Amino acid sequence: MQSLQHPNPIVPLNGKAPAGAPIKGANSFTEAQAKDRALAAGLTSVSSLVKDGDGIWRGTAMKDGKTRKVAVDFKGNVVSQ
């Protein structure tokens, strides 16, 4: 039986993101700090970061030549779709 995969799976980019990341919570990162986390995780051209009502910075970035959605949670977990 073939396993079905989501066409845009959430991928932890900093190697430490737990299942369920990004995690809701009070986020004290500034936009610049969230961008730095995403860049350190190997993303480029990080832009349009906006902190949502769950305390998660969300925006877009490039990875492997493709534009992806990116999220940085209050623990510094970086995930991409």
PDB file of N, CA and C in Angstrom:
ATOM      1  N   MET A   1       0.838  -1.165   0.000  1.00  0.00           N
ATOM      2  CA  MET A   1       0.000   0.000   0.000  1.00  0.00           C
ATOM      3  C   MET A   1       0.891   1.239   0.000  1.00  0.00           C
ATOM      4  N   GLN A   2       0.558   2.173  -0.894  1.00  0.00           N
ATOM      5  CA  GLN A   2       1.354   3.378  -1.021  1.00  0.00           C
ATOM      6  C   GLN A   2       0.912   4.398   0.017  1.00  0.00           C
ATOM      7  N   SER A   3       1.881   5.042   0.656  1.00  0.00           N
ATOM      8  CA  SER A   3       1.560   6.048   1.653  1.00  0.00           C
ATOM      9  C   SER A   3       1.279   7.377   0.971  1.00  0.00           C
ATOM     10  N   LEU A   4       0.280   8.071   1.439  1.00  0.00           N
ATOM     11  CA  LEU A   4      -0.060   9.371   0.891  1.00  0.00           C
ATOM     12  C   LEU A   4       0.700  10.434   1.662  1.00  0.00           C
ATOM     13  N   GLN A   5       1.282  11.371   0.949  1.00  0.00           N
ATOM     14  CA  GLN A   5       2.010  12.450   1.588  1.00  0.00           C
ATOM     15  C   GLN A   5       1.365  13.768   1.214  1.00  0.00           C
ATOM     16  N   HIS A   6       1.394  14.693   2.165  1.00  0.00           N
ATOM     17  CA  HIS A   6       0.897  16.032   1.907  1.00  0.00           C
ATOM     18  C   HIS A   6       1.764  16.650   0.816  1.00  0.00           C
ATOM     19  N   PRO A   7       1.177  17.338  -0.175  1.00  0.00           N
ATOM     20  CA  PRO A   7       1.970  17.895  -1.257  1.00  0.00           C
ATOM     21  C   PRO A   7       2.947  18.976  -0.777  1.00  0.00           C
ATOM     22  N   ASN A   8       2.657  19.623   0.338  1.00  0.00           N
ATOM     23  CA  ASN A   8       3.524  20.648   0.894  1.00  0.00           C
ATOM     24  C   ASN A   8       3.764  20.348   2.370  1.00  0.00           C
ATOM     25  N   PRO A   9       4.557  19.328   2.680  1.00  0.00           N
ATOM     26  CA  PRO A   9       4.756  18.967   4.076  1.00  0.00           C
ATOM     27  C   PRO A   9       5.524  20.038   4.835  1.00  0.00           C
ATOM     28  N   ILE A  10       5.297  20.109   6.144  1.00  0.00           N
ATOM     29  CA  ILE A  10       6.048  21.016   6.996  1.00  0.00           C
ATOM     30  C   ILE A  10       7.389  20.356   7.265  1.00  0.00           C
ATOM     31  N   VAL A  11       8.460  21.093   7.018  1.00  0.00           N
ATOM     32  CA  VAL A  11       9.801  20.551   7.151  1.00  0.00           C
ATOM     33  C   VAL A  11      10.567  21.356   8.190  1.00  0.00           C
ATOM     34  N   PRO A  12      11.079  20.702   9.255  1.00  0.00           N
ATOM     35  CA  PRO A  12      11.900  21.437  10.214  1.00  0.00           C
ATOM     36  C   PRO A  12      13.239  21.775   9.570  1.00  0.00           C
ATOM     37  N   LEU A  13      13.606  23.037   9.599  1.00  0.00           N
ATOM     38  CA  LEU A  13      14.822  23.442   8.920  1.00  0.00           C
ATOM     39  C   LEU A  13      16.011  23.601   9.851  1.00  0.00           C
ATOM     40  N   ASN A  14      15.764  23.759  11.129  1.00  0.00           N
ATOM     41  CA  ASN A  14      16.901  23.923  12.022  1.00  0.00           C
ATOM     42  C   ASN A  14      17.286  22.606  12.678  1.00  0.00           C
ATOM     43  N   GLY A  15      16.708  21.505  12.200  1.00  0.00           N
ATOM     44  CA  GLY A  15      17.087  20.187  12.672  1.00  0.00           C
ATOM     45  C   GLY A  15      16.599  19.820  14.054  1.00  0.00           C
ATOM     46  N   LYS A  16      15.939  20.732  14.724  1.00  0.00           N
ATOM     47  CA  LYS A  16      15.522  20.484  16.094  1.00  0.00           C
ATOM     48  C   LYS A  16      14.022  20.650  16.299  1.00  0.00           C
ATOM     49  N   ALA A  17      13.331  21.073  15.301  1.00  0.00           N
ATOM     50  CA  ALA A  17      11.910  21.370  15.461  1.00  0.00           C
ATOM     51  C   ALA A  17      11.133  20.105  15.797  1.00  0.00           C
ATOM     52  N   PRO A  18      10.386  20.121  16.898  1.00  0.00           N
ATOM     53  CA  PRO A  18       9.609  18.955  17.283  1.00  0.00           C
ATOM     54  C   PRO A  18       8.365  18.794  16.422  1.00  0.00           C
ATOM     55  N   ALA A  19       7.779  17.618  16.476  1.00  0.00           N
ATOM     56  CA  ALA A  19       6.509  17.403  15.783  1.00  0.00           C
ATOM     57  C   ALA A  19       5.525  18.447  16.297  1.00  0.00           C
ATOM     58  N   GLY A  20       4.751  18.992  15.418  1.00  0.00           N
ATOM     59  CA  GLY A  20       3.763  19.992  15.809  1.00  0.00           C
ATOM     60  C   GLY A  20       4.263  21.419  15.678  1.00  0.00           C
ATOM     61  N   ALA A  21       5.552  21.597  15.372  1.00  0.00           N
ATOM     62  CA  ALA A  21       6.071  22.952  15.192  1.00  0.00           C
ATOM     63  C   ALA A  21       5.523  23.522  13.887  1.00  0.00           C
ATOM     64  N   PRO A  22       5.243  24.791  13.798  1.00  0.00           N
ATOM     65  CA  PRO A  22       5.542  25.813  14.779  1.00  0.00           C
ATOM     66  C   PRO A  22       4.568  25.769  15.954  1.00  0.00           C
ATOM     67  N   ILE A  23       5.081  26.118  17.120  1.00  0.00           N
ATOM     68  CA  ILE A  23       4.318  26.033  18.365  1.00  0.00           C
ATOM     69  C   ILE A  23       3.803  27.420  18.750  1.00  0.00           C
ATOM     70  N   LYS A  24       2.519  27.487  19.108  1.00  0.00           N
ATOM     71  CA  LYS A  24       1.914  28.743  19.550  1.00  0.00           C
ATOM     72  C   LYS A  24       2.531  29.169  20.873  1.00  0.00           C
ATOM     73  N   GLY A  25       2.688  30.476  21.060  1.00  0.00           N
ATOM     74  CA  GLY A  25       3.194  30.993  22.326  1.00  0.00           C
ATOM     75  C   GLY A  25       3.610  32.445  22.198  1.00  0.00           C
ATOM     76  N   ALA A  26       3.853  33.066  23.334  1.00  0.00           N
ATOM     77  CA  ALA A  26       4.278  34.462  23.361  1.00  0.00           C
ATOM     78  C   ALA A  26       5.677  34.560  22.767  1.00  0.00           C
ATOM     79  N   ASN A  27       5.807  35.231  21.644  1.00  0.00           N
ATOM     80  CA  ASN A  27       7.072  35.298  20.911  1.00  0.00           C
ATOM     81  C   ASN A  27       7.735  36.640  21.167  1.00  0.00           C
ATOM     82  N   SER A  28       8.926  36.605  21.755  1.00  0.00           N
ATOM     83  CA  SER A  28       9.643  37.838  22.046  1.00  0.00           C
ATOM     84  C   SER A  28      10.670  38.189  20.974  1.00  0.00           C
ATOM     85  N   PHE A  29      10.791  37.345  19.936  1.00  0.00           N
ATOM     86  CA  PHE A  29      11.716  37.663  18.847  1.00  0.00           C
ATOM     87  C   PHE A  29      11.243  38.892  18.091  1.00  0.00           C
ATOM     88  N   THR A  30      12.199  39.736  17.702  1.00  0.00           N
ATOM     89  CA  THR A  30      11.873  40.829  16.789  1.00  0.00           C
ATOM     90  C   THR A  30      11.816  40.247  15.379  1.00  0.00           C
ATOM     91  N   GLU A  31      11.331  41.030  14.446  1.00  0.00           N
ATOM     92  CA  GLU A  31      11.298  40.573  13.057  1.00  0.00           C
ATOM     93  C   GLU A  31      12.712  40.242  12.574  1.00  0.00           C
ATOM     94  N   ALA A  32      13.688  41.082  12.930  1.00  0.00           N
ATOM     95  CA  ALA A  32      15.072  40.850  12.512  1.00  0.00           C
ATOM     96  C   ALA A  32      15.620  39.551  13.102  1.00  0.00           C
ATOM     97  N   GLN A  33      15.289  39.261  14.351  1.00  0.00           N
ATOM     98  CA  GLN A  33      15.752  38.023  14.977  1.00  0.00           C
ATOM     99  C   GLN A  33      15.115  36.801  14.325  1.00  0.00           C
ATOM    100  N   ALA A  34      13.831  36.895  14.006  1.00  0.00           N
ATOM    101  CA  ALA A  34      13.149  35.785  13.326  1.00  0.00           C
ATOM    102  C   ALA A  34      13.778  35.561  11.947  1.00  0.00           C
ATOM    103  N   LYS A  35      14.083  36.647  11.251  1.00  0.00           N
ATOM    104  CA  LYS A  35      14.719  36.539   9.940  1.00  0.00           C
ATOM    105  C   LYS A  35      16.093  35.891  10.068  1.00  0.00           C
ATOM    106  N   ASP A  36      16.858  36.293  11.088  1.00  0.00           N
ATOM    107  CA  ASP A  36      18.183  35.701  11.313  1.00  0.00           C
ATOM    108  C   ASP A  36      18.080  34.198  11.559  1.00  0.00           C
ATOM    109  N   ARG A  37      17.065  33.764  12.307  1.00  0.00           N
ATOM    110  CA  ARG A  37      16.865  32.324  12.549  1.00  0.00           C
ATOM    111  C   ARG A  37      16.613  31.588  11.242  1.00  0.00           C
ATOM    112  N   ALA A  38      15.766  32.179  10.393  1.00  0.00           N
ATOM    113  CA  ALA A  38      15.443  31.551   9.112  1.00  0.00           C
ATOM    114  C   ALA A  38      16.684  31.481   8.219  1.00  0.00           C
ATOM    115  N   LEU A  39      17.469  32.545   8.206  1.00  0.00           N
ATOM    116  CA  LEU A  39      18.692  32.545   7.401  1.00  0.00           C
ATOM    117  C   LEU A  39      19.680  31.503   7.920  1.00  0.00           C
ATOM    118  N   ALA A  40      19.800  31.401   9.239  1.00  0.00           N
ATOM    119  CA  ALA A  40      20.704  30.422   9.836  1.00  0.00           C
ATOM    120  C   ALA A  40      20.269  28.993   9.527  1.00  0.00           C
ATOM    121  N   ALA A  41      18.979  28.801   9.244  1.00  0.00           N
ATOM    122  CA  ALA A  41      18.448  27.474   8.918  1.00  0.00           C
ATOM    123  C   ALA A  41      18.641  27.133   7.439  1.00  0.00           C
ATOM    124  N   GLY A  42      19.278  28.036   6.681  1.00  0.00           N
ATOM    125  CA  GLY A  42      19.577  27.732   5.291  1.00  0.00           C
ATOM    126  C   GLY A  42      18.639  28.355   4.276  1.00  0.00           C
ATOM    127  N   LEU A  43      17.719  29.189   4.720  1.00  0.00           N
ATOM    128  CA  LEU A  43      16.829  29.872   3.791  1.00  0.00           C
ATOM    129  C   LEU A  43      17.494  31.143   3.280  1.00  0.00           C
ATOM    130  N   THR A  44      17.069  31.623   2.130  1.00  0.00           N
ATOM    131  CA  THR A  44      17.553  32.887   1.596  1.00  0.00           C
ATOM    132  C   THR A  44      16.348  33.739   1.227  1.00  0.00           C
ATOM    133  N   SER A  45      16.598  35.004   0.951  1.00  0.00           N
ATOM    134  CA  SER A  45      15.538  35.934   0.515  1.00  0.00           C
ATOM    135  C   SER A  45      14.323  35.886   1.434  1.00  0.00           C
ATOM    136  N   VAL A  46      14.563  35.872   2.738  1.00  0.00           N
ATOM    137  CA  VAL A  46      13.462  35.856   3.712  1.00  0.00           C
ATOM    138  C   VAL A  46      12.764  37.203   3.670  1.00  0.00           C
ATOM    139  N   SER A  47      11.437  37.191   3.505  1.00  0.00           N
ATOM    140  CA  SER A  47      10.700  38.449   3.406  1.00  0.00           C
ATOM    141  C   SER A  47       9.276  38.297   3.911  1.00  0.00           C
ATOM    142  N   SER A  48       8.618  39.431   4.014  1.00  0.00           N
ATOM    143  CA  SER A  48       7.201  39.510   4.381  1.00  0.00           C
ATOM    144  C   SER A  48       6.891  38.856   5.717  1.00  0.00           C
ATOM    145  N   LEU A  49       7.828  38.911   6.682  1.00  0.00           N
ATOM    146  CA  LEU A  49       7.571  38.308   7.984  1.00  0.00           C
ATOM    147  C   LEU A  49       6.579  39.146   8.774  1.00  0.00           C
ATOM    148  N   VAL A  50       5.549  38.483   9.255  1.00  0.00           N
ATOM    149  CA  VAL A  50       4.518  39.117  10.068  1.00  0.00           C
ATOM    150  C   VAL A  50       4.193  38.173  11.221  1.00  0.00           C
ATOM    151  N   LYS A  51       4.140  38.707  12.434  1.00  0.00           N
ATOM    152  CA  LYS A  51       3.796  37.874  13.584  1.00  0.00           C
ATOM    153  C   LYS A  51       2.278  37.726  13.636  1.00  0.00           C
ATOM    154  N   ASP A  52       1.800  36.474  13.645  1.00  0.00           N
ATOM    155  CA  ASP A  52       0.353  36.238  13.661  1.00  0.00           C
ATOM    156  C   ASP A  52      -0.187  36.225  15.093  1.00  0.00           C
ATOM    157  N   GLY A  53      -1.466  36.005  15.239  1.00  0.00           N
ATOM    158  CA  GLY A  53      -2.135  36.007  16.534  1.00  0.00           C
ATOM    159  C   GLY A  53      -1.700  34.888  17.461  1.00  0.00           C
ATOM    160  N   ASP A  54      -1.010  33.882  16.931  1.00  0.00           N
ATOM    161  CA  ASP A  54      -0.503  32.770  17.739  1.00  0.00           C
ATOM    162  C   ASP A  54       0.952  32.981  18.150  1.00  0.00           C
ATOM    163  N   GLY A  55       1.523  34.160  17.813  1.00  0.00           N
ATOM    164  CA  GLY A  55       2.902  34.449  18.175  1.00  0.00           C
ATOM    165  C   GLY A  55       3.914  33.820  17.251  1.00  0.00           C
ATOM    166  N   ILE A  56       3.501  33.461  16.049  1.00  0.00           N
ATOM    167  CA  ILE A  56       4.394  32.810  15.082  1.00  0.00           C
ATOM    168  C   ILE A  56       4.709  33.791  13.951  1.00  0.00           C
ATOM    169  N   TRP A  57       6.008  33.974  13.713  1.00  0.00           N
ATOM    170  CA  TRP A  57       6.423  34.799  12.581  1.00  0.00           C
ATOM    171  C   TRP A  57       6.239  33.983  11.309  1.00  0.00           C
ATOM    172  N   ARG A  58       5.524  34.543  10.330  1.00  0.00           N
ATOM    173  CA  ARG A  58       5.271  33.846   9.069  1.00  0.00           C
ATOM    174  C   ARG A  58       5.643  34.746   7.905  1.00  0.00           C
ATOM    175  N   GLY A  59       6.213  34.133   6.878  1.00  0.00           N
ATOM    176  CA  GLY A  59       6.599  34.891   5.701  1.00  0.00           C
ATOM    177  C   GLY A  59       6.968  33.962   4.567  1.00  0.00           C
ATOM    178  N   THR A  60       7.805  34.462   3.667  1.00  0.00           N
ATOM    179  CA  THR A  60       8.251  33.658   2.535  1.00  0.00           C
ATOM    180  C   THR A  60       9.776  33.682   2.473  1.00  0.00           C
ATOM    181  N   ALA A  61      10.334  32.672   1.815  1.00  0.00           N
ATOM    182  CA  ALA A  61      11.780  32.563   1.662  1.00  0.00           C
ATOM    183  C   ALA A  61      12.081  31.623   0.502  1.00  0.00           C
ATOM    184  N   MET A  62      13.338  31.566   0.142  1.00  0.00           N
ATOM    185  CA  MET A  62      13.789  30.670  -0.918  1.00  0.00           C
ATOM    186  C   MET A  62      14.586  29.523  -0.311  1.00  0.00           C
ATOM    187  N   LYS A  63      14.378  28.315  -0.844  1.00  0.00           N
ATOM    188  CA  LYS A  63      15.138  27.129  -0.459  1.00  0.00           C
ATOM    189  C   LYS A  63      15.199  26.233  -1.682  1.00  0.00           C
ATOM    190  N   ASP A  64      16.390  25.819  -2.060  1.00  0.00           N
ATOM    191  CA  ASP A  64      16.582  24.940  -3.215  1.00  0.00           C
ATOM    192  C   ASP A  64      15.941  25.510  -4.480  1.00  0.00           C
ATOM    193  N   GLY A  65      16.024  26.834  -4.639  1.00  0.00           N
ATOM    194  CA  GLY A  65      15.500  27.481  -5.838  1.00  0.00           C
ATOM    195  C   GLY A  65      14.000  27.645  -5.893  1.00  0.00           C
ATOM    196  N   LYS A  66      13.317  27.349  -4.796  1.00  0.00           N
ATOM    197  CA  LYS A  66      11.859  27.452  -4.767  1.00  0.00           C
ATOM    198  C   LYS A  66      11.418  28.397  -3.663  1.00  0.00           C
ATOM    199  N   THR A  67      10.351  29.151  -3.924  1.00  0.00           N
ATOM    200  CA  THR A  67       9.763  30.003  -2.902  1.00  0.00           C
ATOM    201  C   THR A  67       8.925  29.129  -1.980  1.00  0.00           C
ATOM    202  N   ARG A  68       9.116  29.324  -0.687  1.00  0.00           N
ATOM    203  CA  ARG A  68       8.388  28.530   0.307  1.00  0.00           C
ATOM    204  C   ARG A  68       7.825  29.434   1.390  1.00  0.00           C
ATOM    205  N   LYS A  69       6.780  28.952   2.040  1.00  0.00           N
ATOM    206  CA  LYS A  69       6.278  29.613   3.237  1.00  0.00           C
ATOM    207  C   LYS A  69       7.191  29.204   4.380  1.00  0.00           C
ATOM    208  N   VAL A  70       7.455  30.136   5.285  1.00  0.00           N
ATOM    209  CA  VAL A  70       8.326  29.858   6.424  1.00  0.00           C
ATOM    210  C   VAL A  70       7.648  30.342   7.699  1.00  0.00           C
ATOM    211  N   ALA A  71       7.923  29.650   8.798  1.00  0.00           N
ATOM    212  CA  ALA A  71       7.394  30.042  10.098  1.00  0.00           C
ATOM    213  C   ALA A  71       8.484  29.886  11.149  1.00  0.00           C
ATOM    214  N   VAL A  72       8.535  30.849  12.076  1.00  0.00           N
ATOM    215  CA  VAL A  72       9.476  30.804  13.192  1.00  0.00           C
ATOM    216  C   VAL A  72       8.658  30.979  14.468  1.00  0.00           C
ATOM    217  N   ASP A  73       8.720  29.969  15.352  1.00  0.00           N
ATOM    218  CA  ASP A  73       7.916  30.049  16.569  1.00  0.00           C
ATOM    219  C   ASP A  73       8.705  30.639  17.733  1.00  0.00           C
ATOM    220  N   PHE A  74       8.061  30.740  18.885  1.00  0.00           N
ATOM    221  CA  PHE A  74       8.655  31.411  20.038  1.00  0.00           C
ATOM    222  C   PHE A  74       9.867  30.673  20.613  1.00  0.00           C
ATOM    223  N   LYS A  75      10.036  29.410  20.245  1.00  0.00           N
ATOM    224  CA  LYS A  75      11.199  28.654  20.706  1.00  0.00           C
ATOM    225  C   LYS A  75      12.346  28.709  19.704  1.00  0.00           C
ATOM    226  N   GLY A  76      12.126  29.389  18.584  1.00  0.00           N
ATOM    227  CA  GLY A  76      13.157  29.495  17.563  1.00  0.00           C
ATOM    228  C   GLY A  76      13.110  28.379  16.536  1.00  0.00           C
ATOM    229  N   ASN A  77      12.096  27.534  16.603  1.00  0.00           N
ATOM    230  CA  ASN A  77      11.935  26.487  15.590  1.00  0.00           C
ATOM    231  C   ASN A  77      11.624  27.137  14.243  1.00  0.00           C
ATOM    232  N   VAL A  78      12.298  26.680  13.205  1.00  0.00           N
ATOM    233  CA  VAL A  78      12.082  27.183  11.852  1.00  0.00           C
ATOM    234  C   VAL A  78      11.531  26.047  11.022  1.00  0.00           C
ATOM    235  N   VAL A  79      10.364  26.255  10.435  1.00  0.00           N
ATOM    236  CA  VAL A  79       9.755  25.248   9.581  1.00  0.00           C
ATOM    237  C   VAL A  79       9.333  25.885   8.266  1.00  0.00           C
ATOM    238  N   SER A  80       9.237  25.064   7.238  1.00  0.00           N
ATOM    239  CA  SER A  80       8.897  25.549   5.912  1.00  0.00           C
ATOM    240  C   SER A  80       7.898  24.624   5.253  1.00  0.00           C
ATOM    241  N   GLN A  81       7.103  25.202   4.332  1.00  0.00           N
ATOM    242  CA  GLN A  81       6.170  24.419   3.525  1.00  0.00           C
ATOM    243  C   GLN A  81       6.452  24.707   2.075  1.00  0.00           C
TER     244      GLN A  81
END
